Protein backbone atom coordinates (compact mmCIF):
# COMPACT_ATOMS: atom_id res chain seq x y z
CA MET A 1 -0.34 49.10 230.44
CA ARG A 2 -3.02 49.61 232.89
CA GLU A 3 -4.45 46.03 232.64
CA LEU A 4 -0.68 44.91 233.38
CA CYS A 5 -0.39 46.65 236.34
CA ASP A 6 -3.86 45.02 237.39
CA PHE A 7 -1.51 41.94 238.64
CA GLN A 8 0.77 43.14 241.17
CA PRO A 9 3.80 42.34 242.63
CA ARG A 10 5.04 40.83 239.57
CA TRP A 11 7.97 38.74 241.70
CA ALA A 12 9.15 35.76 239.41
CA GLY A 13 7.73 32.89 240.38
CA TYR A 14 4.56 34.26 242.71
CA ARG A 15 1.27 34.47 241.60
CA ALA A 16 0.56 37.63 240.08
CA GLU A 17 3.68 37.08 237.58
CA ARG A 18 1.89 33.79 236.51
CA GLN A 19 -1.38 35.63 235.90
CA ALA A 20 0.31 38.12 233.99
CA GLY A 21 2.40 35.90 231.79
CA ALA A 22 -1.06 33.89 230.51
CA TRP A 23 -2.55 37.79 229.98
CA LEU A 24 0.53 38.86 227.87
CA ALA A 25 0.52 34.93 226.09
CA ARG A 26 -3.23 35.93 225.56
CA ARG A 27 -2.43 39.27 223.91
CA LEU A 28 0.17 38.32 221.73
CA ARG A 29 -2.16 35.27 220.07
CA ASP A 30 -5.18 37.49 219.94
CA ALA A 31 -2.62 40.12 218.08
CA GLY A 32 -2.05 36.81 215.43
CA LEU A 33 1.51 35.38 216.60
CA ASP A 34 2.16 31.64 216.87
CA VAL A 35 2.61 31.54 221.05
CA GLU A 36 4.88 29.34 223.41
CA VAL A 37 4.45 29.45 226.75
CA ASP A 38 8.47 27.94 228.02
CA ARG A 39 7.92 27.49 231.73
CA TYR A 40 11.25 26.70 233.52
CA THR A 41 12.82 26.22 237.11
CA PHE A 42 14.80 28.46 238.81
CA ARG A 43 16.05 29.27 242.46
CA LYS A 44 12.95 30.96 244.08
CA TRP A 45 13.54 33.19 246.93
CA GLN A 46 10.26 32.97 249.23
CA LEU A 47 9.57 36.23 251.15
CA ASP A 48 7.08 35.65 253.85
CA GLY A 49 7.88 38.45 256.43
CA TRP A 50 10.26 41.26 257.46
CA ARG A 51 10.21 44.05 260.32
CA THR A 52 12.84 46.66 261.02
CA THR A 53 13.10 48.38 264.04
CA LEU A 54 15.11 51.14 265.88
CA LEU A 55 16.01 51.08 269.30
CA SER A 56 17.75 54.98 270.07
CA ALA A 57 17.42 57.35 272.71
CA GLN A 58 14.39 58.59 271.56
CA GLY A 59 12.31 55.02 272.17
CA ARG A 60 11.53 52.45 269.78
CA ARG A 61 10.27 52.89 266.35
CA VAL A 62 9.13 50.26 263.50
CA LEU A 63 10.84 51.27 260.26
CA PRO A 64 9.20 51.35 256.80
CA SER A 65 11.76 49.30 255.02
CA PHE A 66 12.01 46.77 252.02
CA PRO A 67 14.32 43.85 251.95
CA ILE A 68 17.53 43.24 249.54
CA TRP A 69 16.05 40.51 247.26
CA SER A 70 17.62 37.17 248.04
CA THR A 71 19.68 37.87 250.99
CA ALA A 72 19.93 35.68 253.72
CA ALA A 73 17.16 35.14 256.32
CA GLY A 74 17.83 36.29 259.81
CA ARG A 75 17.14 37.97 263.48
CA GLY A 76 18.51 39.91 266.02
CA THR A 77 19.76 43.15 267.81
CA ALA A 78 22.85 44.58 266.83
CA PRO A 79 24.49 48.43 267.22
CA LEU A 80 24.65 50.72 264.35
CA VAL A 81 27.65 51.55 262.21
CA ASP A 82 27.67 54.12 260.08
CA VAL A 83 30.03 53.73 256.81
CA GLY A 84 29.20 56.77 254.90
CA LEU A 85 28.63 55.27 251.04
CA GLY A 86 29.93 52.27 251.85
CA THR A 87 33.48 52.72 249.85
CA GLU A 88 36.10 50.32 251.22
CA PRO A 89 38.14 52.77 253.09
CA GLU A 90 35.35 53.59 254.67
CA LEU A 91 34.65 50.06 255.57
CA LEU A 92 37.94 49.35 256.69
CA ALA A 93 38.08 52.66 258.95
CA ARG A 94 35.11 50.89 261.19
CA ASP A 95 34.79 47.97 263.36
CA LEU A 96 31.60 46.43 261.72
CA THR A 97 31.75 43.15 263.90
CA GLY A 98 28.47 42.53 265.07
CA ALA A 99 26.84 45.22 263.73
CA VAL A 100 24.45 46.45 260.94
CA ALA A 101 26.20 48.43 258.82
CA VAL A 102 24.74 51.46 257.69
CA VAL A 103 25.39 52.53 253.93
CA THR A 104 23.92 55.88 252.43
CA GLY A 105 23.75 54.52 249.28
CA LYS A 106 23.35 56.66 246.09
CA ALA A 107 21.79 55.73 242.66
CA LEU A 108 23.61 57.48 239.76
CA LEU A 109 20.53 58.59 236.97
CA ASN A 110 18.52 56.40 239.19
CA VAL A 111 19.73 53.54 238.04
CA PHE A 112 23.55 52.68 238.75
CA ALA A 113 23.88 51.96 242.57
CA SER A 114 26.60 53.75 244.27
CA TYR A 115 27.15 50.27 246.61
CA PRO A 116 27.57 47.26 244.32
CA ASP A 117 30.38 45.59 246.54
CA THR A 118 29.14 47.00 250.14
CA TYR A 119 26.68 44.03 251.13
CA HIS A 120 29.36 41.06 250.58
CA ARG A 121 32.43 43.22 251.50
CA ALA A 122 30.53 44.01 255.08
CA ALA A 123 29.55 40.59 255.80
CA GLU A 124 33.61 40.08 255.02
CA LEU A 125 34.37 42.15 257.61
CA GLY A 126 31.77 41.11 260.34
CA ALA A 127 28.50 43.15 259.77
CA VAL A 128 25.03 40.73 260.66
CA ALA A 129 23.19 42.63 258.74
CA MET A 130 22.92 45.89 256.43
CA VAL A 131 20.39 48.73 255.72
CA VAL A 132 20.98 50.79 252.66
CA THR A 133 19.08 53.65 250.75
CA SER A 134 19.13 54.79 247.23
CA ASP A 135 17.68 58.02 247.66
CA ALA A 136 14.91 57.57 245.98
CA PRO A 137 12.35 61.04 246.74
CA ASP A 138 9.71 61.65 249.57
CA ASN A 139 11.64 58.80 252.08
CA LEU A 140 10.01 56.52 249.19
CA ILE A 141 11.89 52.52 249.53
CA ARG A 142 12.87 51.80 246.46
CA PRO A 143 13.89 47.97 246.01
CA THR A 144 16.88 46.48 244.52
CA SER A 145 18.73 43.07 243.99
CA SER A 146 22.27 42.75 244.77
CA GLY A 147 24.21 43.17 241.85
CA ARG A 148 26.69 40.06 242.73
CA ASN A 149 23.10 37.89 244.10
CA LEU A 150 24.83 34.65 245.41
CA LEU A 151 21.22 33.51 245.96
CA ASP A 152 21.44 30.43 248.92
CA GLU A 153 25.26 31.80 249.53
CA ASN A 154 24.22 35.60 250.55
CA PRO A 155 25.59 36.17 254.16
CA ILE A 156 23.41 38.34 256.37
CA PRO A 157 19.91 40.12 256.02
CA ALA A 158 19.89 43.38 254.43
CA PHE A 159 17.28 45.74 253.53
CA GLN A 160 16.07 49.48 251.93
CA LEU A 161 14.88 52.03 253.91
CA GLY A 162 13.90 55.59 252.70
CA ALA A 163 16.10 58.64 252.78
CA GLN A 164 14.69 59.97 255.57
CA ASP A 165 14.53 57.26 257.60
CA LEU A 166 18.20 55.92 257.07
CA ALA A 167 19.41 59.43 258.24
CA ALA A 168 17.67 59.21 261.36
CA VAL A 169 19.46 55.27 261.62
CA ARG A 170 22.30 57.41 261.12
CA ALA A 171 21.93 59.73 263.66
CA ALA A 172 21.25 56.82 266.10
CA ALA A 173 24.55 55.20 265.09
CA GLY A 174 26.18 58.06 266.48
CA GLU A 175 24.56 57.99 269.78
CA GLY A 176 25.09 54.67 270.44
CA GLY A 177 21.67 53.07 268.95
CA ARG A 178 20.55 49.67 267.47
CA LEU A 179 18.85 47.88 265.41
CA ARG A 180 16.06 44.69 265.92
CA TYR A 181 15.40 42.95 262.53
CA ARG A 182 13.83 39.85 261.29
CA LEU A 183 13.80 38.46 257.96
CA ALA A 184 11.47 34.98 257.13
CA ALA A 185 12.56 34.09 253.79
CA GLU A 186 14.41 30.97 252.11
CA HIS A 187 15.34 29.68 248.92
CA ARG A 188 13.20 27.25 246.72
CA ASP A 189 12.79 25.75 243.24
CA GLY A 190 10.46 27.49 241.62
CA THR A 191 8.90 28.12 238.04
CA THR A 192 8.75 30.95 235.90
CA ARG A 193 7.98 31.75 232.24
CA ASP A 194 9.08 33.07 229.23
CA VAL A 195 5.91 34.10 226.66
CA VAL A 196 7.58 33.65 223.21
CA GLY A 197 5.85 35.15 220.02
CA HIS A 198 6.77 34.07 216.75
CA LEU A 199 5.81 36.05 213.45
CA ARG A 200 7.38 34.21 210.48
CA GLY A 201 8.96 37.09 207.69
CA SER A 202 8.86 36.24 203.64
CA GLY A 203 12.65 35.16 204.00
CA GLU A 204 13.84 37.89 201.74
CA LEU A 205 16.51 38.65 204.46
CA PRO A 206 18.78 36.50 206.76
CA GLY A 207 18.09 36.58 210.39
CA THR A 208 15.88 37.08 213.11
CA VAL A 209 14.78 40.43 214.85
CA LEU A 210 14.36 39.60 218.61
CA VAL A 211 12.17 42.08 220.86
CA CYS A 212 12.22 41.92 224.34
CA ALA A 213 10.24 43.32 227.66
CA HIS A 214 10.54 41.83 231.02
CA TYR A 215 7.18 41.98 232.67
CA ASP A 216 7.82 41.44 236.20
CA ALA A 217 8.01 44.36 238.56
CA TRP A 218 8.66 45.30 242.35
CA PHE A 219 5.31 46.65 242.90
CA THR A 220 2.87 48.10 240.07
CA GLY A 221 5.61 48.66 237.50
CA ALA A 222 3.60 51.16 235.25
CA LEU A 223 7.11 52.78 233.69
CA ASP A 224 9.10 49.39 234.84
CA ASN A 225 7.87 48.03 232.75
CA ALA A 226 4.14 48.09 231.98
CA THR A 227 4.93 50.67 229.35
CA GLY A 228 7.57 48.17 227.58
CA VAL A 229 4.71 45.26 227.68
CA ALA A 230 2.40 47.97 226.07
CA GLY A 231 5.10 48.98 223.24
CA LEU A 232 5.91 44.69 222.77
CA ILE A 233 2.20 43.95 222.02
CA GLY A 234 1.72 47.17 220.17
CA LEU A 235 4.91 46.44 217.49
CA ALA A 236 3.53 42.93 217.77
CA GLU A 237 0.25 43.92 216.63
CA HIS A 238 1.48 46.34 213.83
CA PHE A 239 3.70 43.63 212.55
CA ALA A 240 1.33 41.16 212.02
CA ALA A 241 -1.45 43.17 210.81
CA LEU A 242 1.51 43.99 207.52
CA PRO A 243 1.38 41.36 204.56
CA ARG A 244 4.21 38.89 205.15
CA SER A 245 6.08 40.69 202.22
CA GLN A 246 6.44 43.71 204.23
CA ARG A 247 8.32 41.49 206.75
CA PRO A 248 11.57 40.55 205.10
CA ARG A 249 13.42 38.62 208.63
CA ASP A 250 11.16 36.47 210.96
CA MET A 251 10.80 38.21 214.30
CA VAL A 252 10.18 36.71 217.82
CA PHE A 253 8.57 38.90 220.71
CA VAL A 254 9.64 37.53 224.22
CA GLY A 255 8.02 38.72 227.25
CA VAL A 256 10.68 37.52 230.24
CA THR A 257 10.43 37.74 233.91
CA GLY A 258 12.97 37.97 237.05
CA HIS A 259 14.85 41.08 235.80
CA ASP A 260 13.58 43.15 238.92
CA ALA A 261 13.10 40.52 241.87
CA GLY A 262 15.93 38.17 240.75
CA TYR A 263 18.52 39.99 238.97
CA PRO A 264 21.05 38.85 237.40
CA HIS A 265 19.98 35.37 237.05
CA LEU A 266 16.74 35.30 235.02
CA GLY A 267 15.90 38.23 232.51
CA LEU A 268 16.60 36.67 228.75
CA ASN A 269 19.44 34.17 230.75
CA HIS A 270 17.04 31.08 229.84
CA PHE A 271 15.98 31.86 226.81
CA VAL A 272 19.25 32.59 225.65
CA ALA A 273 20.67 29.04 227.13
CA SER A 274 17.81 27.05 225.64
CA ARG A 275 17.96 28.54 221.59
CA PRO A 276 21.64 28.55 220.85
CA GLU A 277 20.49 28.49 217.24
CA LEU A 278 17.88 30.82 217.58
CA MET A 279 20.61 33.54 218.80
CA ALA A 280 23.06 32.89 216.13
CA ASP A 281 20.64 33.87 213.67
CA VAL A 282 19.52 37.06 215.94
CA ASP A 283 20.70 40.07 213.57
CA LEU A 284 18.95 42.70 215.82
CA PHE A 285 18.20 42.91 219.49
CA VAL A 286 15.27 45.67 220.73
CA ASN A 287 14.83 45.95 224.56
CA LEU A 288 11.75 47.74 225.61
CA ASP A 289 12.33 49.04 229.05
CA HIS A 290 10.92 52.61 230.52
CA LEU A 291 9.32 53.96 227.35
CA ALA A 292 7.24 56.63 228.75
CA ALA A 293 6.39 59.40 232.09
CA HIS A 294 5.68 62.56 232.55
CA GLY A 295 8.31 65.10 232.10
CA ASP A 296 7.95 67.54 235.24
CA GLU A 297 9.10 64.61 237.13
CA HIS A 298 12.81 66.39 237.37
CA VAL A 299 14.82 68.12 235.33
CA SER A 300 18.65 67.54 234.62
CA GLY A 301 21.46 68.21 232.59
CA THR A 302 22.07 64.49 230.91
CA GLY A 303 21.71 63.11 234.54
CA LEU A 304 24.27 65.43 235.94
CA THR A 305 21.88 66.71 238.72
CA ASP A 306 20.57 63.31 239.14
CA MET A 307 24.72 62.15 239.74
CA LEU A 308 25.05 65.17 242.21
CA GLY A 309 22.31 64.38 244.19
CA LEU A 310 20.00 66.87 243.31
CA GLN A 311 16.15 67.36 242.90
CA VAL A 312 14.93 71.09 240.75
CA ASP A 313 11.65 72.20 241.08
CA VAL A 314 10.43 74.17 238.47
CA GLY A 315 6.84 74.70 239.67
CA VAL A 316 5.52 73.83 235.71
CA GLN A 317 5.93 70.93 233.87
CA ARG A 318 8.64 71.17 231.37
CA PRO A 319 8.01 70.59 227.48
CA GLY A 320 8.94 67.79 226.15
CA ASP A 321 9.78 64.07 227.57
CA GLU A 322 11.75 62.62 230.86
CA GLU A 323 15.12 62.73 229.21
CA ARG A 324 16.51 59.24 227.65
CA ALA A 325 19.16 57.55 226.67
CA LEU A 326 19.94 55.50 223.66
CA PHE A 327 21.80 52.75 224.32
CA THR A 328 23.52 50.53 222.02
CA THR A 329 26.24 47.87 221.11
CA ARG A 330 29.18 49.63 218.46
CA HIS A 331 27.45 49.16 215.60
CA PRO A 332 26.59 52.42 213.73
CA ALA A 333 23.36 51.12 211.88
CA LEU A 334 21.12 51.33 215.23
CA ALA A 335 21.57 55.13 216.00
CA ALA A 336 22.25 56.07 213.04
CA THR A 337 18.47 54.34 211.87
CA PHE A 338 17.14 55.57 214.95
CA LEU A 339 18.11 58.81 215.26
CA PRO A 340 16.17 60.50 212.98
CA HIS A 341 12.63 58.92 213.83
CA LEU A 342 13.40 60.27 217.62
CA VAL A 343 13.49 63.57 216.09
CA ALA A 344 10.31 62.96 213.96
CA HIS A 345 8.29 62.15 216.66
CA GLY A 346 9.23 64.64 218.92
CA LEU A 347 11.59 62.57 221.88
CA LEU A 348 13.82 63.89 224.09
CA LEU A 349 17.12 62.73 223.75
CA THR A 350 20.44 63.47 226.30
CA ALA A 351 22.83 60.79 225.38
CA ALA A 352 23.01 58.57 222.43
CA VAL A 353 25.79 55.95 223.91
CA PRO A 354 27.70 53.26 222.05
CA THR A 355 28.73 51.19 224.93
CA ILE A 356 26.66 48.09 225.29
CA PRO A 357 27.51 45.36 226.89
CA GLU A 358 30.14 47.22 229.56
CA VAL A 359 28.12 50.09 230.17
CA ASN A 360 24.48 49.47 230.19
CA ALA A 361 21.66 49.25 233.34
CA ASN A 362 20.53 45.39 231.80
CA GLY A 363 23.13 43.25 232.43
CA ASP A 364 20.25 40.26 232.13
CA LEU A 365 18.70 41.73 228.66
CA GLU A 366 20.76 43.80 225.91
CA GLY A 367 24.08 43.58 227.92
CA LEU A 368 23.62 39.59 227.94
CA VAL A 369 22.39 39.92 223.77
CA GLY A 370 25.32 42.27 223.41
CA ALA A 371 27.84 39.79 224.97
CA LEU A 372 27.53 37.65 221.98
CA GLY A 373 28.16 40.37 219.79
CA VAL A 374 24.55 40.80 218.42
CA PRO A 375 23.49 44.60 217.43
CA SER A 376 21.45 45.68 220.46
CA VAL A 377 19.74 48.90 221.31
CA ASN A 378 17.93 50.18 224.45
CA LEU A 379 16.16 53.51 224.45
CA THR A 380 15.24 53.95 227.93
CA MET A 381 14.69 56.45 231.11
CA ALA A 382 14.66 55.86 234.96
CA THR A 383 12.48 58.71 236.55
CA PRO A 384 13.17 59.40 240.94
CA HIS A 385 9.94 57.25 241.41
CA TYR A 386 11.02 53.66 239.86
CA HIS A 387 11.05 50.77 241.56
CA THR A 388 8.92 52.35 244.26
CA VAL A 389 5.29 52.13 244.95
CA GLU A 390 4.45 55.17 243.25
CA ASP A 391 5.61 53.70 239.85
CA THR A 392 1.73 54.01 238.91
CA PRO A 393 0.29 54.68 235.20
CA ALA A 394 -0.88 58.29 236.76
CA ARG A 395 2.58 58.79 236.16
CA ILE A 396 2.59 57.88 232.30
CA PRO A 397 1.26 59.72 229.44
CA ALA A 398 -0.71 57.81 226.81
CA GLY A 399 0.60 60.18 224.02
CA GLN A 400 4.14 60.08 224.99
CA LEU A 401 4.22 56.15 225.15
CA ALA A 402 2.32 56.22 221.71
CA ARG A 403 5.25 58.23 220.62
CA CYS A 404 7.49 56.43 221.64
CA VAL A 405 6.41 52.97 220.56
CA ARG A 406 5.77 54.38 217.00
CA ALA A 407 9.68 55.48 216.73
CA HIS A 408 10.37 51.87 218.05
CA ARG A 409 7.48 50.61 214.99
CA ASP A 410 9.88 53.18 212.42
CA PHE A 411 13.09 51.93 213.58
CA LEU A 412 12.14 48.38 213.34
CA THR A 413 10.48 48.81 209.88
CA ASP A 414 13.60 50.66 208.66
CA ALA A 415 16.36 48.46 210.27
CA MET A 416 15.14 44.93 209.57
CA ALA A 417 15.28 46.02 205.71
CA LEU A 418 19.06 46.50 206.13
CA PRO A 419 21.44 43.85 204.86
CA ARG A 420 22.81 41.86 207.24
CA GLU A 421 26.72 43.08 206.92
CA VAL A 422 25.24 46.52 207.64
CA LEU A 423 23.48 45.95 210.55
CA ARG A 424 26.31 43.66 211.58
CA ALA A 425 29.02 45.86 211.32
CA GLY A 426 31.14 46.91 213.94
CA ILE A 427 33.38 49.55 215.38
CA GLY A 428 35.88 49.68 217.88
CA PHE A 429 37.66 52.11 220.49
């Protein structure tokens, strides 16, 4: 995990991502897998620089910010218009012509943005730029990509701010303040890569087990997703060390990019599109994403305090792990096989939800594969500091990460031995 975190920021198409891909390929080869590095072209966003300056009655202040990925380049100075949470009624209630839309964003469960359509809608209503916060703690900035990312056709510059700075911007908006902004960026053809490791099974059972982790990251990316990549390598090492007779199915271990900086166009999209025969043979998909974090990050009751935007400081580290959710497709064998191993390894679980592909955090990963009808599972968490510069190895307890990977090992061992008709038996509701 620490080795991968040395390559940063791991944006798709940039130098650190290329170095991380070569590193991952070496690790999988060292584990004994047959490895291919599948390079392909995509529309890369070349980010060269940006600046946001608040002009208010209190004077001029440069605001720390980060662009929403792939938004349009541009520069200017425009009045600030506060549109609250950025809902449709709030947008329609204000004149956004020639203005900077100021959005108080939230991130439900630290993941699901409350403003998925605000960016494009504000532009349609005449806004020339947008600023938004996702309520990360301590005035931290949590970058994101627009869920409806139109790449070259994204209409206006947009920037993420820390929550405290956005509060100052909201106050300035009520007093006639303005924002001076500059974003130097362009879309161009770039190159990224899938790192694919093949491990032959005994052939006792038909089908393939596909295990995935995205290795790109906004910054250091320890939780998101060096923990998942560490798990990918550990699982590859374990199963490659077994006699082939103990692997009844073929296994494929893949590292992908562009899930963070580039969503939703990369992730597994290229892998799935370029390997239709393999995907038709996949009986189980496991996405490794956000595997471990210190349990004293925050307290919530199945995410309720997160959804209300509350933070609870208990003063001491609480027992157990940071809360997790087990997302699965509607294949009962997945949760039934996984849950006993979570208990056995002492992992804290707050929800087991068979909602993929309709509700999941990763439309380009388990959401994409689940939409093909493949039994898919993702055991994940999201702490308040993920996607920020504070997502560092210091926040990851090694013992918890090891227990989480062992739980995946035991789940894969049991699930891989299930007959195809059991794994693929689904329910509908």
